[in-house]
Protein backbone atom coordinates (compact mmCIF):
# COMPACT_ATOMS: atom_id res chain seq x y z
CA MET A 1 10.75 13.26 12.50
CA SER A 2 13.63 10.80 11.34
CA ASP A 3 14.89 10.90 7.47
CA THR A 4 12.82 7.61 7.04
CA GLN A 5 9.76 8.89 8.37
CA GLN A 6 9.99 12.03 6.11
CA ARG A 7 10.61 9.92 3.16
CA ILE A 8 7.42 7.52 4.01
CA ALA A 9 5.56 10.85 4.48
CA GLU A 10 6.61 12.31 1.07
CA LEU A 11 5.63 9.12 -0.50
CA VAL A 12 2.41 9.01 0.97
CA LYS A 13 1.40 12.53 0.36
CA SER A 14 2.61 12.74 -3.36
CA ASN A 15 0.98 9.61 -4.63
CA ASP A 16 -2.67 8.66 -4.86
CA VAL A 17 -2.22 4.77 -4.24
CA VAL A 18 0.96 3.63 -2.22
CA LEU A 19 1.41 0.02 -1.51
CA PHE A 20 4.40 -0.66 0.86
CA MET A 21 5.03 -4.49 0.07
CA LYS A 22 7.55 -7.39 -0.36
CA GLY A 23 8.52 -7.34 -4.24
CA ASN A 24 6.79 -5.13 -6.78
CA ALA A 25 3.56 -5.03 -8.89
CA SER A 26 5.13 -7.32 -11.38
CA PHE A 27 6.90 -9.88 -9.08
CA PRO A 28 5.18 -9.98 -5.64
CA GLN A 29 7.36 -11.84 -3.06
CA CYS A 30 5.10 -13.03 -0.68
CA GLY A 31 1.55 -13.99 -0.98
CA PHE A 32 -0.14 -11.11 1.04
CA SER A 33 1.47 -8.82 -1.33
CA GLY A 34 0.65 -10.51 -4.32
CA ARG A 35 -3.16 -10.83 -2.98
CA ALA A 36 -3.14 -7.12 -2.46
CA ILE A 37 -1.87 -6.41 -6.02
CA GLN A 38 -4.62 -8.55 -7.30
CA LEU A 39 -7.13 -6.57 -5.15
CA LEU A 40 -6.35 -3.72 -6.70
CA LYS A 41 -6.40 -4.64 -10.13
CA ALA A 42 -9.58 -6.30 -9.55
CA CYS A 43 -10.83 -2.66 -8.64
CA GLY A 44 -9.80 -1.52 -11.76
CA VAL A 45 -6.62 0.31 -10.82
CA ASP A 46 -3.85 0.46 -13.20
CA ALA A 47 -0.63 -1.17 -12.11
CA LYS A 48 1.09 1.90 -13.32
CA ALA A 49 -0.98 3.96 -11.16
CA ILE A 50 0.21 2.12 -7.89
CA LYS A 51 3.30 3.41 -6.25
CA THR A 52 4.97 0.17 -5.06
CA VAL A 53 7.51 0.48 -2.22
CA ASN A 54 9.53 -2.96 -1.94
CA VAL A 55 10.25 -2.94 1.54
CA LEU A 56 12.96 -6.05 0.88
CA GLU A 57 15.10 -3.28 -0.55
CA ASP A 58 15.61 -0.74 2.22
CA ASP A 59 15.46 -1.99 5.77
CA ALA A 60 14.92 1.52 7.06
CA ILE A 61 11.65 1.53 5.22
CA ARG A 62 10.61 -2.08 6.28
CA ALA A 63 11.02 -1.05 9.84
CA GLY A 64 9.86 2.61 9.71
CA ILE A 65 6.87 1.97 7.83
CA LYS A 66 5.35 -0.28 10.62
CA GLU A 67 6.32 2.52 13.11
CA PHE A 68 4.66 5.20 10.59
CA SER A 69 1.43 3.46 10.38
CA ASN A 70 1.65 1.74 14.05
CA TRP A 71 0.55 -1.43 12.05
CA PRO A 72 3.00 -4.47 12.26
CA THR A 73 2.50 -6.33 8.97
CA ILE A 74 3.27 -5.47 5.34
CA PRO A 75 1.73 -5.33 2.81
CA GLN A 76 0.36 -1.52 4.01
CA LEU A 77 -2.06 0.21 1.55
CA TYR A 78 -2.47 3.90 1.46
CA ILE A 79 -5.05 5.61 -0.76
CA HIS A 80 -5.21 9.42 -1.05
CA GLY A 81 -2.82 9.77 1.80
CA GLU A 82 -4.94 7.87 4.24
CA PHE A 83 -3.68 4.53 5.68
CA ILE A 84 -6.19 1.66 4.91
CA GLY A 85 -4.70 -1.46 6.12
CA GLY A 86 -3.07 -4.82 5.18
CA SER A 87 -4.35 -7.23 2.64
CA ASP A 88 -7.05 -8.78 5.06
CA ILE A 89 -8.75 -5.41 5.63
CA MET A 90 -8.34 -4.98 1.75
CA MET A 91 -10.24 -8.06 1.14
CA GLU A 92 -12.90 -7.23 3.43
CA MET A 93 -13.33 -3.80 2.06
CA TYR A 94 -13.24 -5.35 -1.41
CA GLU A 95 -15.98 -7.95 -0.54
CA ASN A 96 -18.37 -5.28 0.69
CA GLY A 97 -17.56 -2.47 -2.05
CA GLU A 98 -15.75 -0.22 0.27
CA LEU A 99 -12.37 -0.62 -1.28
CA GLN A 100 -13.54 0.38 -4.78
CA SER A 101 -15.34 3.52 -3.54
CA THR A 102 -12.13 4.31 -1.76
CA LEU A 103 -10.20 3.95 -4.84
CA ALA A 104 -12.54 6.28 -6.79
CA PRO A 105 -11.04 9.42 -7.98
CA LYS A 106 -11.39 12.17 -5.71
CA ALA A 107 -13.78 15.07 -7.27
C-alpha cells in the first residue's frame, strides 16, 4: 500500500464522517461538494464533526482517493469507515431516510 493509500486509510478509520471534497465545509469549491455538505447538515451533523479533506490542496490524495474507493468522482463520503458514495448517492439516501440512519451514532 502506498503512503497516500495509507494516509487515506488512516483518515477514514480515525474519523466517523469523512468527506473528500473540493474546498472545505465553510467554502465548498464545486456544486457537488456544496450539496454534500448541505445534505450532511440537513441530517443534523455538526459541521465540526465532519472531517473534510480538500483534494484541491493535495494532488496525491485527489488521485489516490479515486483508486482507494474505486470511484471516479469527488466528493466521496465515508461514514464509520465505510464508503458511501458521491453527492448523487447521498441525495438518494437522504430522500429515502437511509443517510440519516447511517449517520446515527453507533451503539
